[in-house]
Structure formats: C-alpha cells, structure tokens
C-alpha cells in the first residue's frame, strides 16, 4: 500500500515537486520510510499484546509526526 501511495512514478501522494532535481530520491526515500514504519512499528504492535516504554513511545510519536507533516504538505493535484 505504501509503495503505491508514495511511488516515484505516478504517486497517489506526491511529497515533492517533480521539477526538483532530487525528486526521485526524496519521494522514494519517504516511500521506504512509510513502508518501514508500517512493517516495523505498526504491524507487530497491532497483532500482538506488547508493552512500550515512555522513551519508545515518544520516539515513535516524533517519527509519526514528521511523516504525517510531510503528507500534510503534499503537492495538491
């Protein structure tokens, strides 16, 4: 799902301007970040009973905040 949403070619959510020389690298990099967060943080915690300490919770919130801010700033079609 994240690979389709943030793909370099014809993304559903375009995070950077296509005329930016770094467009492909940045778009792909964020795509991998979103994929990694879903696989490493969201999926395991939604499928098991777990405990999380305060520091981990804060760090996850910072990461989620950064990613969601990029989505808020996405290029509007």
C-alpha atoms as a PDB file:
ATOM      1  CA  UNK A   1       0.000   0.000   0.000  1.00  0.00           C
ATOM      2  CA  UNK A   2       2.770   2.471   0.898  1.00  0.00           C
ATOM      3  CA  UNK A   3       4.757   1.621  -2.232  1.00  0.00           C
ATOM      4  CA  UNK A   4       1.788   2.587  -4.399  1.00  0.00           C
ATOM      5  CA  UNK A   5       0.887   5.681  -2.385  1.00  0.00           C
ATOM      6  CA  UNK A   6       4.409   7.154  -2.455  1.00  0.00           C
ATOM      7  CA  UNK A   7       5.864   5.669  -5.674  1.00  0.00           C
ATOM      8  CA  UNK A   8       8.248   7.809  -7.719  1.00  0.00           C
ATOM      9  CA  UNK A   9       6.191   7.288 -10.847  1.00  0.00           C
ATOM     10  CA  UNK A  10       2.546   8.392 -10.606  1.00  0.00           C
ATOM     11  CA  UNK A  11       2.311   8.552  -6.801  1.00  0.00           C
ATOM     12  CA  UNK A  12      -1.052   8.866  -5.122  1.00  0.00           C
ATOM     13  CA  UNK A  13       0.627  11.217  -2.627  1.00  0.00           C
ATOM     14  CA  UNK A  14       3.315  13.389  -4.211  1.00  0.00           C
ATOM     15  CA  UNK A  15       5.526  14.812  -1.484  1.00  0.00           C
ATOM     16  CA  UNK A  16       7.922  16.836  -3.648  1.00  0.00           C
ATOM     17  CA  UNK A  17       7.811  18.869  -6.846  1.00  0.00           C
ATOM     18  CA  UNK A  18       8.734  16.863  -9.945  1.00  0.00           C
ATOM     19  CA  UNK A  19      10.989  19.683 -11.152  1.00  0.00           C
ATOM     20  CA  UNK A  20      13.144  19.312  -8.013  1.00  0.00           C
ATOM     21  CA  UNK A  21      16.387  17.602  -9.114  1.00  0.00           C
ATOM     22  CA  UNK A  22      16.184  15.413  -6.004  1.00  0.00           C
ATOM     23  CA  UNK A  23      12.511  14.499  -6.570  1.00  0.00           C
ATOM     24  CA  UNK A  24      13.022  10.797  -7.303  1.00  0.00           C
ATOM     25  CA  UNK A  25      15.429  10.195  -4.440  1.00  0.00           C
ATOM     26  CA  UNK A  26      13.320  12.114  -1.919  1.00  0.00           C
ATOM     27  CA  UNK A  27      10.000  10.582  -2.969  1.00  0.00           C
ATOM     28  CA  UNK A  28      11.497   7.083  -2.931  1.00  0.00           C
ATOM     29  CA  UNK A  29      13.205   7.692   0.403  1.00  0.00           C
ATOM     30  CA  UNK A  30       9.976   8.731   2.082  1.00  0.00           C
ATOM     31  CA  UNK A  31       8.202   5.793   0.446  1.00  0.00           C
ATOM     32  CA  UNK A  32      10.685   3.466   2.151  1.00  0.00           C
ATOM     33  CA  UNK A  33      10.268   5.282   5.469  1.00  0.00           C
ATOM     34  CA  UNK A  34       6.486   4.841   5.323  1.00  0.00           C
ATOM     35  CA  UNK A  35       6.893   1.177   4.324  1.00  0.00           C
ATOM     36  CA  UNK A  36       9.356   0.594   7.156  1.00  0.00           C
ATOM     37  CA  UNK A  37       7.172   2.229   9.779  1.00  0.00           C
ATOM     38  CA  UNK A  38       4.213   0.094   8.744  1.00  0.00           C
ATOM     39  CA  UNK A  39       6.273  -3.104   8.771  1.00  0.00           C
ATOM     40  CA  UNK A  40       8.447  -2.483  11.821  1.00  0.00           C
ATOM     41  CA  UNK A  41       6.219  -0.472  14.131  1.00  0.00           C
ATOM     42  CA  UNK A  42       2.564  -0.572  13.220  1.00  0.00           C
ATOM     43  CA  UNK A  43       2.030  -4.194  12.133  1.00  0.00           C
ATOM     44  CA  UNK A  44       3.731  -6.003  15.039  1.00  0.00           C
ATOM     45  CA  UNK A  45       2.020  -3.831  17.617  1.00  0.00           C
ATOM     46  CA  UNK A  46      -1.414  -4.257  16.104  1.00  0.00           C
ATOM     47  CA  UNK A  47      -1.109  -8.043  16.036  1.00  0.00           C
ATOM     48  CA  UNK A  48       0.275  -8.744  19.494  1.00  0.00           C
ATOM     49  CA  UNK A  49      -0.026  -7.762  23.119  1.00  0.00           C
ATOM     50  CA  UNK A  50       3.005  -5.670  23.995  1.00  0.00           C
ATOM     51  CA  UNK A  51       4.347  -3.163  26.464  1.00  0.00           C
ATOM     52  CA  UNK A  52       6.053   0.028  25.347  1.00  0.00           C
ATOM     53  CA  UNK A  53       8.207   2.256  27.485  1.00  0.00           C
ATOM     54  CA  UNK A  54       7.940   6.032  27.610  1.00  0.00           C
ATOM     55  CA  UNK A  55      11.065   6.734  25.543  1.00  0.00           C
ATOM     56  CA  UNK A  56       9.997   4.385  22.716  1.00  0.00           C
ATOM     57  CA  UNK A  57       6.523   5.935  22.692  1.00  0.00           C
ATOM     58  CA  UNK A  58       7.949   9.460  22.436  1.00  0.00           C
ATOM     59  CA  UNK A  59      10.341   8.495  19.634  1.00  0.00           C
ATOM     60  CA  UNK A  60       7.536   6.798  17.693  1.00  0.00           C
ATOM     61  CA  UNK A  61       5.366   9.886  18.085  1.00  0.00           C
ATOM     62  CA  UNK A  62       8.163  12.113  16.754  1.00  0.00           C
ATOM     63  CA  UNK A  63       8.614   9.866  13.722  1.00  0.00           C
ATOM     64  CA  UNK A  64       4.873   9.690  13.063  1.00  0.00           C
ATOM     65  CA  UNK A  65       4.618  13.468  13.424  1.00  0.00           C
ATOM     66  CA  UNK A  66       7.367  14.057  10.853  1.00  0.00           C
ATOM     67  CA  UNK A  67       5.851  11.657   8.334  1.00  0.00           C
ATOM     68  CA  UNK A  68       2.328  12.990   8.724  1.00  0.00           C
ATOM     69  CA  UNK A  69       3.554  16.577   8.383  1.00  0.00           C
ATOM     70  CA  UNK A  70       5.081  15.635   5.019  1.00  0.00           C
ATOM     71  CA  UNK A  71       1.699  14.223   3.976  1.00  0.00           C
ATOM     72  CA  UNK A  72       0.008  17.470   5.069  1.00  0.00           C
ATOM     73  CA  UNK A  73       2.492  19.385   2.886  1.00  0.00           C
ATOM     74  CA  UNK A  74       1.984  17.104  -0.136  1.00  0.00           C
ATOM     75  CA  UNK A  75       1.617  18.614  -3.591  1.00  0.00           C
ATOM     76  CA  UNK A  76      -2.054  19.106  -4.345  1.00  0.00           C
ATOM     77  CA  UNK A  77      -3.149  17.950  -7.837  1.00  0.00           C
END
